[in-house]
């Protein structure tokens, strides 16, 4: 144990020096990085099951014929561009039909 005493004393001096200059020791704080500009903490998102959004879009258009990509996106809480792409795919696959305004089942 006696042979480790100089290292422990050196660590205490180094921590004191770091504290004096306002830095944090390794493993403490944010590692000397500047604070993040992010206002809210990052949230992990879970992905929808495969085909779940596709079915939700089909169900919505079935109950609301003539819906546009904006209508569907707003109702389902999705990105409008993603919904527009999905609607075009569903129309191409024959699951939906293009109406005069929007889509229908």
N, C-alpha and C. Protein backbone atom coordinates (compact mmCIF):
# COMPACT_ATOMS: atom_id res chain seq x y z
N UNK A 1 0.81 -1.19 0.00
CA UNK A 1 0.00 0.00 0.00
C UNK A 1 0.86 1.27 0.00
N UNK A 2 1.99 1.18 0.70
CA UNK A 2 2.87 2.35 0.79
C UNK A 2 3.34 2.81 -0.58
N UNK A 3 3.54 1.86 -1.50
CA UNK A 3 4.04 2.24 -2.81
C UNK A 3 2.99 3.00 -3.63
N UNK A 4 1.71 2.88 -3.28
CA UNK A 4 0.65 3.59 -4.00
C UNK A 4 0.38 4.98 -3.45
N UNK A 5 0.85 5.27 -2.27
CA UNK A 5 0.58 6.56 -1.62
C UNK A 5 1.00 7.75 -2.49
N UNK A 6 2.17 7.75 -3.15
CA UNK A 6 2.55 8.91 -3.98
C UNK A 6 1.56 9.13 -5.14
N UNK A 7 1.02 8.04 -5.67
CA UNK A 7 0.07 8.18 -6.78
C UNK A 7 -1.25 8.78 -6.31
N UNK A 8 -1.68 8.38 -5.14
CA UNK A 8 -2.92 8.92 -4.57
C UNK A 8 -2.75 10.41 -4.28
N UNK A 9 -1.61 10.78 -3.73
CA UNK A 9 -1.34 12.20 -3.44
C UNK A 9 -1.28 13.01 -4.74
N UNK A 10 -0.66 12.43 -5.78
CA UNK A 10 -0.58 13.13 -7.07
C UNK A 10 -1.98 13.31 -7.66
N UNK A 11 -2.82 12.30 -7.53
CA UNK A 11 -4.19 12.41 -8.05
C UNK A 11 -4.94 13.54 -7.35
N UNK A 12 -4.78 13.65 -6.05
CA UNK A 12 -5.45 14.71 -5.30
C UNK A 12 -4.96 16.09 -5.77
N UNK A 13 -3.67 16.22 -6.01
CA UNK A 13 -3.13 17.50 -6.50
C UNK A 13 -3.66 17.82 -7.89
N UNK A 14 -3.74 16.80 -8.76
CA UNK A 14 -4.24 17.02 -10.12
C UNK A 14 -5.71 17.42 -10.11
N UNK A 15 -6.52 16.77 -9.27
CA UNK A 15 -7.94 17.14 -9.17
C UNK A 15 -8.09 18.58 -8.68
N UNK A 16 -7.26 18.97 -7.70
CA UNK A 16 -7.31 20.33 -7.19
C UNK A 16 -6.94 21.33 -8.28
N UNK A 17 -5.93 20.98 -9.08
CA UNK A 17 -5.51 21.87 -10.18
C UNK A 17 -6.62 21.99 -11.22
N UNK A 18 -7.25 20.87 -11.56
CA UNK A 18 -8.35 20.90 -12.52
C UNK A 18 -9.50 21.75 -12.00
N UNK A 19 -9.82 21.59 -10.73
CA UNK A 19 -10.90 22.36 -10.14
C UNK A 19 -10.56 23.86 -10.14
N UNK A 20 -9.30 24.19 -9.91
CA UNK A 20 -8.88 25.58 -9.89
C UNK A 20 -9.04 26.26 -11.25
N UNK A 21 -8.85 25.49 -12.33
CA UNK A 21 -8.99 26.10 -13.66
C UNK A 21 -10.39 25.91 -14.24
N UNK A 22 -11.27 25.26 -13.46
CA UNK A 22 -12.65 25.11 -13.89
C UNK A 22 -12.90 23.95 -14.83
N UNK A 23 -11.98 23.03 -14.91
CA UNK A 23 -12.17 21.85 -15.76
C UNK A 23 -12.64 20.69 -14.89
N UNK A 24 -13.18 19.66 -15.54
CA UNK A 24 -13.61 18.49 -14.79
C UNK A 24 -12.63 17.35 -15.04
N UNK A 25 -12.56 16.49 -14.08
CA UNK A 25 -11.67 15.34 -14.20
C UNK A 25 -12.26 14.34 -15.17
N UNK A 26 -11.43 13.49 -15.77
CA UNK A 26 -11.95 12.47 -16.67
C UNK A 26 -13.00 11.62 -15.96
N UNK A 27 -14.11 11.36 -16.67
CA UNK A 27 -15.18 10.57 -16.09
C UNK A 27 -16.18 11.40 -15.32
N UNK A 28 -15.95 12.68 -15.20
CA UNK A 28 -16.87 13.57 -14.50
C UNK A 28 -17.39 14.61 -15.49
N UNK A 29 -18.61 15.03 -15.30
CA UNK A 29 -19.17 16.09 -16.12
C UNK A 29 -19.30 15.69 -17.58
N UNK A 30 -19.10 16.64 -18.47
CA UNK A 30 -19.27 16.38 -19.90
C UNK A 30 -17.94 16.20 -20.62
N UNK A 31 -16.89 15.90 -19.88
CA UNK A 31 -15.60 15.62 -20.51
C UNK A 31 -14.94 16.85 -21.11
N UNK A 32 -15.28 18.04 -20.62
CA UNK A 32 -14.66 19.25 -21.12
C UNK A 32 -15.28 19.79 -22.40
N UNK A 33 -16.34 19.16 -22.88
CA UNK A 33 -17.01 19.64 -24.09
C UNK A 33 -17.90 20.81 -23.74
N UNK A 34 -18.17 21.63 -24.73
CA UNK A 34 -19.08 22.73 -24.49
C UNK A 34 -20.50 22.18 -24.37
N UNK A 35 -21.38 22.88 -23.67
CA UNK A 35 -22.74 22.39 -23.48
C UNK A 35 -23.48 22.28 -24.80
N UNK A 36 -24.38 21.35 -24.88
CA UNK A 36 -25.17 21.12 -26.08
C UNK A 36 -26.20 22.22 -26.24
N UNK A 37 -26.54 22.55 -27.48
CA UNK A 37 -27.59 23.52 -27.74
C UNK A 37 -28.97 22.87 -27.71
N UNK A 38 -29.02 21.57 -27.58
CA UNK A 38 -30.29 20.85 -27.58
C UNK A 38 -31.11 21.28 -26.37
N UNK A 39 -32.34 21.66 -26.62
CA UNK A 39 -33.19 22.14 -25.53
C UNK A 39 -33.85 21.00 -24.77
N UNK A 40 -34.18 19.95 -25.47
CA UNK A 40 -34.81 18.82 -24.81
C UNK A 40 -33.92 17.60 -24.98
N UNK A 41 -33.97 16.71 -24.03
CA UNK A 41 -33.12 15.52 -24.16
C UNK A 41 -33.57 14.67 -25.34
N UNK A 42 -32.63 13.97 -25.92
CA UNK A 42 -32.93 13.11 -27.06
C UNK A 42 -33.87 11.99 -26.60
N UNK A 43 -34.85 11.70 -27.43
CA UNK A 43 -35.78 10.63 -27.13
C UNK A 43 -35.55 9.50 -28.10
N UNK A 44 -35.58 8.31 -27.58
CA UNK A 44 -35.45 7.19 -28.49
C UNK A 44 -36.81 6.92 -29.08
N UNK A 45 -36.83 6.70 -30.36
CA UNK A 45 -38.09 6.43 -31.04
C UNK A 45 -38.16 4.95 -31.37
N UNK A 46 -39.33 4.42 -31.20
CA UNK A 46 -39.50 3.03 -31.59
C UNK A 46 -40.13 3.02 -32.97
N UNK A 47 -39.66 2.13 -33.78
CA UNK A 47 -40.18 2.03 -35.14
C UNK A 47 -41.50 1.28 -35.13
N UNK A 48 -42.37 1.68 -36.04
CA UNK A 48 -43.64 0.99 -36.19
C UNK A 48 -43.38 -0.39 -36.80
N UNK A 49 -44.26 -1.31 -36.49
CA UNK A 49 -44.14 -2.65 -37.06
C UNK A 49 -44.22 -2.57 -38.58
N UNK A 50 -43.56 -3.49 -39.24
CA UNK A 50 -43.52 -3.50 -40.69
C UNK A 50 -44.94 -3.54 -41.26
N UNK A 51 -45.27 -2.56 -42.10
CA UNK A 51 -46.57 -2.51 -42.74
C UNK A 51 -47.65 -1.82 -41.92
N UNK A 52 -47.34 -1.42 -40.68
CA UNK A 52 -48.35 -0.80 -39.82
C UNK A 52 -48.77 0.57 -40.36
N UNK A 53 -47.83 1.38 -40.78
CA UNK A 53 -48.16 2.71 -41.30
C UNK A 53 -48.91 2.57 -42.61
N UNK A 54 -48.47 1.65 -43.43
CA UNK A 54 -49.16 1.39 -44.71
C UNK A 54 -50.63 1.07 -44.46
N UNK A 55 -50.89 0.20 -43.48
CA UNK A 55 -52.28 -0.17 -43.18
C UNK A 55 -53.05 1.00 -42.58
N UNK A 56 -52.41 1.79 -41.75
CA UNK A 56 -53.08 2.97 -41.18
C UNK A 56 -53.48 3.94 -42.27
N UNK A 57 -52.59 4.14 -43.26
CA UNK A 57 -52.89 5.04 -44.38
C UNK A 57 -54.08 4.49 -45.18
N UNK A 58 -54.06 3.20 -45.48
CA UNK A 58 -55.16 2.60 -46.23
C UNK A 58 -56.48 2.73 -45.46
N UNK A 59 -56.44 2.44 -44.16
CA UNK A 59 -57.65 2.55 -43.34
C UNK A 59 -58.19 3.97 -43.32
N UNK A 60 -57.30 4.95 -43.20
CA UNK A 60 -57.74 6.34 -43.15
C UNK A 60 -58.38 6.76 -44.47
N UNK A 61 -57.73 6.41 -45.58
CA UNK A 61 -58.27 6.79 -46.90
C UNK A 61 -59.59 6.06 -47.17
N UNK A 62 -59.72 4.83 -46.69
CA UNK A 62 -60.96 4.09 -46.86
C UNK A 62 -62.12 4.79 -46.16
N UNK A 63 -61.88 5.27 -44.95
CA UNK A 63 -62.95 5.95 -44.20
C UNK A 63 -63.10 7.42 -44.59
N UNK A 64 -62.09 7.98 -45.25
CA UNK A 64 -62.12 9.39 -45.65
C UNK A 64 -61.72 9.52 -47.12
N UNK A 65 -62.61 9.11 -48.05
CA UNK A 65 -62.26 9.19 -49.48
C UNK A 65 -61.98 10.63 -49.90
N UNK A 66 -61.06 10.79 -50.83
CA UNK A 66 -60.70 12.12 -51.32
C UNK A 66 -59.63 12.79 -50.47
N UNK A 67 -59.06 12.05 -49.52
CA UNK A 67 -58.03 12.61 -48.64
C UNK A 67 -56.75 12.86 -49.42
N UNK A 68 -56.13 13.99 -49.12
CA UNK A 68 -54.84 14.33 -49.72
C UNK A 68 -53.72 13.88 -48.78
N UNK A 69 -52.50 13.97 -49.24
CA UNK A 69 -51.34 13.61 -48.41
C UNK A 69 -51.31 14.47 -47.14
N UNK A 70 -51.66 15.74 -47.29
CA UNK A 70 -51.68 16.63 -46.11
C UNK A 70 -52.73 16.19 -45.11
N UNK A 71 -53.92 15.82 -45.61
CA UNK A 71 -54.99 15.37 -44.72
C UNK A 71 -54.56 14.13 -43.93
N UNK A 72 -54.02 13.17 -44.64
CA UNK A 72 -53.61 11.91 -44.02
C UNK A 72 -52.48 12.16 -43.02
N UNK A 73 -51.49 12.94 -43.43
CA UNK A 73 -50.35 13.23 -42.56
C UNK A 73 -50.80 13.92 -41.27
N UNK A 74 -51.66 14.89 -41.39
CA UNK A 74 -52.14 15.63 -40.23
C UNK A 74 -52.92 14.69 -39.30
N UNK A 75 -53.78 13.86 -39.87
CA UNK A 75 -54.62 12.97 -39.06
C UNK A 75 -53.81 11.88 -38.36
N UNK A 76 -52.77 11.39 -39.01
CA UNK A 76 -51.99 10.28 -38.45
C UNK A 76 -50.72 10.73 -37.76
N UNK A 77 -50.42 12.03 -37.82
CA UNK A 77 -49.21 12.54 -37.17
C UNK A 77 -47.94 12.11 -37.87
N UNK A 78 -47.98 12.07 -39.20
CA UNK A 78 -46.81 11.64 -39.98
C UNK A 78 -46.30 12.79 -40.83
N UNK A 79 -45.12 12.61 -41.41
CA UNK A 79 -44.52 13.60 -42.29
C UNK A 79 -45.26 13.59 -43.63
N UNK A 80 -45.63 14.78 -44.14
CA UNK A 80 -46.42 14.88 -45.36
C UNK A 80 -45.71 14.27 -46.56
N UNK A 81 -44.40 14.51 -46.69
CA UNK A 81 -43.66 13.96 -47.82
C UNK A 81 -43.63 12.43 -47.79
N UNK A 82 -43.49 11.87 -46.59
CA UNK A 82 -43.50 10.41 -46.46
C UNK A 82 -44.86 9.85 -46.84
N UNK A 83 -45.91 10.53 -46.43
CA UNK A 83 -47.27 10.07 -46.75
C UNK A 83 -47.52 10.18 -48.25
N UNK A 84 -47.06 11.25 -48.87
CA UNK A 84 -47.24 11.42 -50.31
C UNK A 84 -46.56 10.28 -51.07
N UNK A 85 -45.37 9.91 -50.64
CA UNK A 85 -44.66 8.80 -51.27
C UNK A 85 -45.42 7.50 -51.07
N UNK A 86 -45.89 7.28 -49.84
CA UNK A 86 -46.64 6.05 -49.52
C UNK A 86 -47.92 5.98 -50.34
N UNK A 87 -48.64 7.11 -50.49
CA UNK A 87 -49.87 7.13 -51.28
C UNK A 87 -49.59 6.79 -52.74
N UNK A 88 -48.52 7.34 -53.28
CA UNK A 88 -48.15 7.05 -54.67
C UNK A 88 -47.83 5.57 -54.85
N UNK A 89 -47.12 4.98 -53.88
CA UNK A 89 -46.80 3.55 -53.95
C UNK A 89 -48.06 2.70 -53.88
N UNK A 90 -48.96 3.07 -52.97
CA UNK A 90 -50.21 2.32 -52.82
C UNK A 90 -51.07 2.43 -54.06
N UNK A 91 -51.05 3.58 -54.70
CA UNK A 91 -51.81 3.78 -55.95
C UNK A 91 -51.20 2.92 -57.06
N UNK A 92 -49.89 2.90 -57.13
CA UNK A 92 -49.20 2.10 -58.15
C UNK A 92 -49.45 0.60 -57.95
N UNK A 93 -49.52 0.18 -56.67
CA UNK A 93 -49.77 -1.22 -56.35
C UNK A 93 -51.24 -1.62 -56.51
N UNK A 94 -52.11 -0.63 -56.73
CA UNK A 94 -53.52 -0.91 -56.91
C UNK A 94 -54.32 -0.98 -55.62
N UNK A 95 -53.70 -0.65 -54.49
CA UNK A 95 -54.40 -0.68 -53.19
C UNK A 95 -55.31 0.55 -53.04
N UNK A 96 -54.90 1.67 -53.64
CA UNK A 96 -55.69 2.90 -53.62
C UNK A 96 -55.82 3.41 -55.05
N UNK A 97 -56.78 4.32 -55.25
CA UNK A 97 -56.96 4.93 -56.57
C UNK A 97 -56.86 6.43 -56.42
N UNK A 98 -56.29 7.06 -57.42
CA UNK A 98 -56.20 8.51 -57.44
C UNK A 98 -57.58 9.07 -57.75
N UNK A 99 -58.08 9.95 -56.91
CA UNK A 99 -59.38 10.58 -57.12
C UNK A 99 -59.15 11.94 -57.79
N UNK A 100 -60.24 12.63 -58.09
CA UNK A 100 -60.12 13.98 -58.66
C UNK A 100 -59.29 14.85 -57.71
N UNK A 101 -59.60 14.74 -56.45
CA UNK A 101 -58.81 15.42 -55.41
C UNK A 101 -58.45 14.37 -54.37
N UNK A 102 -57.21 14.06 -54.23
CA UNK A 102 -56.78 13.09 -53.22
C UNK A 102 -56.84 11.66 -53.71
N UNK A 103 -57.09 10.75 -52.76
CA UNK A 103 -57.10 9.31 -53.06
C UNK A 103 -58.35 8.68 -52.47
N UNK A 104 -58.73 7.52 -53.04
CA UNK A 104 -59.86 6.74 -52.51
C UNK A 104 -59.47 5.27 -52.57
N UNK A 105 -60.20 4.47 -51.80
CA UNK A 105 -59.90 3.03 -51.73
C UNK A 105 -60.57 2.30 -52.89
